[in-house]
Amino acid sequence: MKKYPGACETAGGYSCPVEATIDIIGGKWKSVILFHLIDEKKRFNELRRLMPGITQRMLTLQLRELERDGIVHREVYKQVPPKVEYRLTEFGKTLIPIIHQMMNWGLSYAAKIDEARTRSAAAEKL
């Protein structure tokens, strides 16, 4: 296994730089939100339609965390009815290569994951 000398000492308040990354994009929904914001800004309900499994409350929480961390910008337009759009910040755009790699990995290995889970479920029934 390749080691990265000094990486953990330079990880700020984290014990490891991977921990810092997971803190920002970890969980079930944050990476999916970022994926949908790569090409263009989206309104809240657009994001909900793109992610039918997420609740309104969870989407709100995840967007707030991403905004807090400087990854997503929330733009409020003064009009009636109110219009709010979300987009990646310049800092957030630094995550695009990671999101693309996650997408490519998922495309390459989704079938293998399904096979492994099917085998595991079958073994549990024995």
Protein backbone atom coordinates (compact mmCIF):
# COMPACT_ATOMS: atom_id res chain seq x y z
CA MET A 1 0.00 0.00 0.00
CA LYS A 2 1.35 3.40 -0.95
CA LYS A 3 1.89 5.77 1.95
CA TYR A 4 1.61 9.53 1.88
CA PRO A 5 4.11 10.84 4.44
CA GLY A 6 2.86 13.88 6.29
CA ALA A 7 -0.64 13.78 4.79
CA CYS A 8 -2.35 13.23 8.12
CA GLU A 9 -0.32 15.94 9.81
CA THR A 10 -1.50 18.49 7.21
CA ALA A 11 -5.19 17.63 7.40
CA GLY A 12 -6.21 20.59 9.56
CA GLY A 13 -8.57 19.48 12.31
CA TYR A 14 -9.03 16.07 10.74
CA SER A 15 -7.05 12.92 11.46
CA CYS A 16 -6.79 12.22 7.72
CA PRO A 17 -7.43 14.21 4.51
CA VAL A 18 -9.92 11.56 3.37
CA GLU A 19 -11.91 12.31 6.53
CA ALA A 20 -12.06 15.99 5.51
CA THR A 21 -13.36 15.07 2.06
CA ILE A 22 -15.95 12.64 3.42
CA ASP A 23 -17.10 15.30 5.87
CA ILE A 24 -17.92 17.57 2.93
CA ILE A 25 -19.33 15.12 0.35
CA GLY A 26 -20.18 12.07 2.45
CA GLY A 27 -23.59 10.67 3.14
CA LYS A 28 -26.25 9.41 0.78
CA TRP A 29 -27.21 12.70 -0.87
CA LYS A 30 -24.46 15.34 -0.94
CA SER A 31 -22.55 13.85 -3.87
CA VAL A 32 -25.80 13.40 -5.80
CA ILE A 33 -26.72 17.04 -5.19
CA LEU A 34 -23.29 18.12 -6.41
CA PHE A 35 -23.63 15.90 -9.49
CA HIS A 36 -26.88 17.65 -10.43
CA LEU A 37 -25.33 21.09 -9.93
CA ILE A 38 -22.24 20.46 -12.09
CA ASP A 39 -23.65 21.84 -15.34
CA GLU A 40 -26.10 24.48 -14.20
CA LYS A 41 -27.87 26.09 -11.30
CA LYS A 42 -31.05 24.45 -10.07
CA ARG A 43 -34.06 25.44 -8.07
CA PHE A 44 -35.01 23.47 -4.97
CA ASN A 45 -37.94 21.65 -6.60
CA GLU A 46 -35.81 20.78 -9.64
CA LEU A 47 -33.40 19.02 -7.31
CA ARG A 48 -36.28 17.21 -5.59
CA ARG A 49 -37.58 15.95 -8.94
CA LEU A 50 -34.11 14.73 -9.89
CA MET A 51 -33.80 12.86 -6.56
CA PRO A 52 -37.21 11.29 -5.88
CA GLY A 53 -35.93 9.37 -2.85
CA ILE A 54 -34.92 12.44 -0.83
CA THR A 55 -37.31 14.16 1.54
CA GLN A 56 -37.80 17.91 1.50
CA ARG A 57 -36.31 18.16 4.99
CA MET A 58 -33.20 16.14 4.06
CA LEU A 59 -32.62 18.15 0.89
CA THR A 60 -32.91 21.36 2.89
CA LEU A 61 -30.42 20.09 5.51
CA GLN A 62 -27.90 18.88 2.93
CA LEU A 63 -28.08 22.13 0.95
CA ARG A 64 -27.59 24.15 4.14
CA GLU A 65 -24.50 22.11 5.04
CA LEU A 66 -23.06 22.49 1.55
CA GLU A 67 -23.76 26.23 1.69
CA ARG A 68 -22.18 26.48 5.16
CA ASP A 69 -19.05 24.74 3.88
CA GLY A 70 -18.75 27.12 0.91
CA ILE A 71 -19.48 24.43 -1.68
CA VAL A 72 -22.90 25.67 -2.83
CA HIS A 73 -24.19 29.21 -3.22
CA ARG A 74 -27.85 29.99 -2.55
CA GLU A 75 -29.18 32.90 -4.61
CA VAL A 76 -32.47 34.46 -3.48
CA TYR A 77 -34.27 36.64 -6.03
CA LYS A 78 -36.58 39.32 -4.71
CA GLN A 79 -39.75 38.55 -6.59
CA VAL A 80 -43.20 37.11 -6.00
CA PRO A 81 -43.34 34.18 -5.72
CA PRO A 82 -39.83 33.94 -4.25
CA LYS A 83 -37.21 32.33 -6.46
CA VAL A 84 -34.17 30.57 -4.99
CA GLU A 85 -31.44 28.91 -7.04
CA TYR A 86 -28.46 26.82 -6.02
CA ARG A 87 -25.15 26.59 -7.85
CA LEU A 88 -21.62 25.40 -7.19
CA THR A 89 -19.19 28.00 -5.91
CA GLU A 90 -15.68 28.19 -7.36
CA PHE A 91 -14.58 26.16 -4.33
CA GLY A 92 -17.39 23.67 -5.00
CA LYS A 93 -16.23 23.29 -8.60
CA THR A 94 -12.96 21.83 -7.30
CA LEU A 95 -15.02 18.73 -6.42
CA ILE A 96 -16.18 18.16 -10.03
CA PRO A 97 -13.32 15.75 -10.88
CA ILE A 98 -14.14 13.69 -7.78
CA ILE A 99 -17.85 13.58 -8.67
CA HIS A 100 -16.98 12.56 -12.25
CA GLN A 101 -14.73 9.78 -10.92
CA MET A 102 -17.54 8.59 -8.64
CA MET A 103 -19.94 8.59 -11.61
CA ASN A 104 -17.51 6.62 -13.79
CA TRP A 105 -16.85 4.11 -11.01
CA GLY A 106 -20.60 3.65 -10.53
CA LEU A 107 -21.13 3.13 -14.27
CA SER A 108 -18.30 0.59 -14.38
CA TYR A 109 -19.17 -1.38 -11.26
CA ALA A 110 -22.94 -1.08 -10.61
CA ALA A 111 -23.59 -4.57 -12.03
CA LYS A 112 -20.79 -6.04 -9.91
CA ILE A 113 -22.30 -4.43 -6.78
CA ASP A 114 -25.70 -5.92 -7.62
CA GLU A 115 -24.13 -9.36 -8.12
CA ALA A 116 -22.28 -9.19 -4.80
CA ARG A 117 -25.43 -8.14 -2.97
CA THR A 118 -27.46 -10.90 -4.60
CA ARG A 119 -24.84 -13.48 -3.55
CA SER A 120 -24.77 -12.08 -0.03
CA ALA A 121 -28.56 -12.15 0.28
CA ALA A 122 -28.64 -15.74 -1.01
CA ALA A 123 -25.93 -16.79 1.47
CA GLU A 124 -27.85 -15.19 4.36
CA LYS A 125 -30.91 -17.30 3.51
CA LEU A 126 -28.94 -20.54 3.93
